[in-house]
Amino acid sequence: MALLGLGSFNIGFAFRDTFENFLAGILIFLREPFALRDLVECKSAEGKMKAITTRDTTARHTDGQLVAMSNHELLQNPVTVRTDRDLRRTTIICGVGGREEVDRAHDII
């Protein structure tokens, strides 16, 4: 009996990541924090969502590379959905030369 219990514990520990990803996939399906074709960022991965399964999620980077992210990682880390709204605010920093007229540069911008 002890050997059976120890074997079950080892099998459960070995499949822990698989179970975590499966449960996280179900939670993602229920919560729907993002959808297919959304542009999302999580940790160092950013791309357009291509497929959401119960085990992992795939996204295509802006440079064309395909990245697979585990659902557990998406559920445990902050996810930024960049295409959540039609309008977005962005900040652009630009400089004006010392010899240029500031009012004229402001009008041009």
Protein backbone atom coordinates (compact mmCIF):
# COMPACT_ATOMS: atom_id res chain seq x y z
CA MET A 1 0.00 0.00 0.00
CA ALA A 2 2.85 2.37 0.84
CA LEU A 3 4.45 1.67 -2.54
CA LEU A 4 1.16 2.37 -4.29
CA GLY A 5 0.76 5.63 -2.37
CA LEU A 6 4.32 6.67 -3.14
CA GLY A 7 3.83 5.83 -6.82
CA SER A 8 0.63 7.87 -6.97
CA PHE A 9 2.39 10.79 -5.32
CA ASN A 10 5.23 10.63 -7.88
CA ILE A 11 2.83 10.44 -10.82
CA GLY A 12 0.81 13.37 -9.47
CA PHE A 13 3.97 15.41 -8.95
CA ALA A 14 5.19 14.57 -12.47
CA PHE A 15 1.93 15.73 -14.06
CA ARG A 16 1.53 18.81 -11.86
CA ASP A 17 2.42 21.25 -14.65
CA THR A 18 0.02 19.55 -17.05
CA PHE A 19 -2.83 19.77 -14.54
CA GLU A 20 -2.01 23.41 -13.75
CA ASN A 21 -2.04 24.33 -17.45
CA PHE A 22 -5.29 22.43 -18.00
CA LEU A 23 -7.06 24.17 -15.10
CA ALA A 24 -5.65 27.54 -16.16
CA GLY A 25 -6.93 26.91 -19.70
CA ILE A 26 -10.42 26.27 -18.37
CA LEU A 27 -10.28 29.47 -16.30
CA ILE A 28 -9.11 31.44 -19.35
CA PHE A 29 -12.04 30.05 -21.36
CA LEU A 30 -14.48 31.01 -18.58
CA ARG A 31 -13.07 34.49 -17.86
CA GLU A 32 -12.19 35.38 -21.49
CA PRO A 33 -9.57 38.04 -20.64
CA PHE A 34 -8.56 38.14 -24.32
CA ALA A 35 -9.77 36.72 -27.61
CA LEU A 36 -8.26 35.45 -30.82
CA ARG A 37 -6.57 38.19 -32.90
CA ASP A 38 -6.03 40.36 -29.80
CA LEU A 39 -2.55 41.84 -29.45
CA VAL A 40 -1.36 40.89 -25.96
CA GLU A 41 1.82 41.12 -23.91
CA CYS A 42 2.78 38.81 -21.06
CA LYS A 43 6.24 38.96 -19.53
CA SER A 44 8.63 39.15 -22.49
CA ALA A 45 6.20 37.68 -25.06
CA GLU A 46 4.06 39.96 -27.20
CA GLY A 47 1.97 39.02 -30.19
CA LYS A 48 -1.39 38.45 -31.81
CA MET A 49 -3.35 35.53 -30.35
CA LYS A 50 -3.62 32.66 -32.82
CA ALA A 51 -4.94 29.69 -30.80
CA ILE A 52 -6.16 29.16 -27.24
CA THR A 53 -6.30 25.55 -26.08
CA THR A 54 -6.72 23.92 -22.69
CA ARG A 55 -2.96 23.39 -22.35
CA ASP A 56 -1.27 26.36 -24.03
CA THR A 57 -1.84 29.51 -26.05
CA THR A 58 0.00 30.45 -29.23
CA ALA A 59 0.67 33.97 -30.45
CA ARG A 60 2.45 35.40 -33.46
CA HIS A 61 5.10 38.04 -32.69
CA THR A 62 5.13 41.22 -34.74
CA ASP A 63 8.29 39.92 -36.47
CA GLY A 64 6.44 36.77 -37.61
CA GLN A 65 7.73 34.24 -35.07
CA LEU A 66 5.23 31.93 -33.41
CA VAL A 67 5.45 31.63 -29.63
CA ALA A 68 3.66 29.13 -27.39
CA MET A 69 2.88 30.24 -23.84
CA SER A 70 1.60 27.99 -21.08
CA ASN A 71 -1.83 28.88 -19.78
CA HIS A 72 -0.51 28.78 -16.22
CA GLU A 73 1.96 31.54 -17.11
CA LEU A 74 -0.82 33.65 -18.65
CA LEU A 75 -3.00 33.20 -15.59
CA GLN A 76 -0.28 33.92 -13.00
CA ASN A 77 1.31 36.98 -14.66
CA PRO A 78 -0.15 40.32 -15.72
CA VAL A 79 -1.41 40.30 -19.29
CA THR A 80 -1.70 43.56 -21.23
CA VAL A 81 -4.32 43.45 -23.98
CA ARG A 82 -3.27 46.18 -26.41
CA THR A 83 -6.30 45.88 -28.71
CA ASP A 84 -8.96 46.07 -26.00
CA ARG A 85 -10.18 49.48 -27.24
CA ASP A 86 -10.33 51.15 -30.63
CA LEU A 87 -8.45 54.24 -29.46
CA ARG A 88 -5.17 54.18 -27.55
CA ARG A 89 -3.04 56.90 -26.07
CA THR A 90 0.66 56.98 -26.77
CA THR A 91 3.49 59.27 -25.79
CA ILE A 92 6.00 60.58 -28.31
CA ILE A 93 9.04 62.45 -27.07
CA CYS A 94 10.69 64.76 -29.56
CA GLY A 95 13.28 67.47 -29.20
CA VAL A 96 13.58 70.92 -30.71
CA GLY A 97 16.96 72.31 -31.66
CA GLY A 98 18.31 75.30 -29.75
CA ARG A 99 18.19 77.54 -32.82
CA GLU A 100 14.61 76.65 -33.78
CA GLU A 101 11.52 78.65 -32.91
CA VAL A 102 9.53 76.76 -30.28
CA ASP A 103 6.15 78.23 -31.32
CA ARG A 104 6.72 77.23 -34.96
CA ALA A 105 7.77 73.71 -33.92
CA HIS A 106 4.63 73.46 -31.78
CA ASP A 107 2.45 74.46 -34.74
CA ILE A 108 4.15 71.88 -36.97
CA ILE A 109 3.63 69.12 -34.41
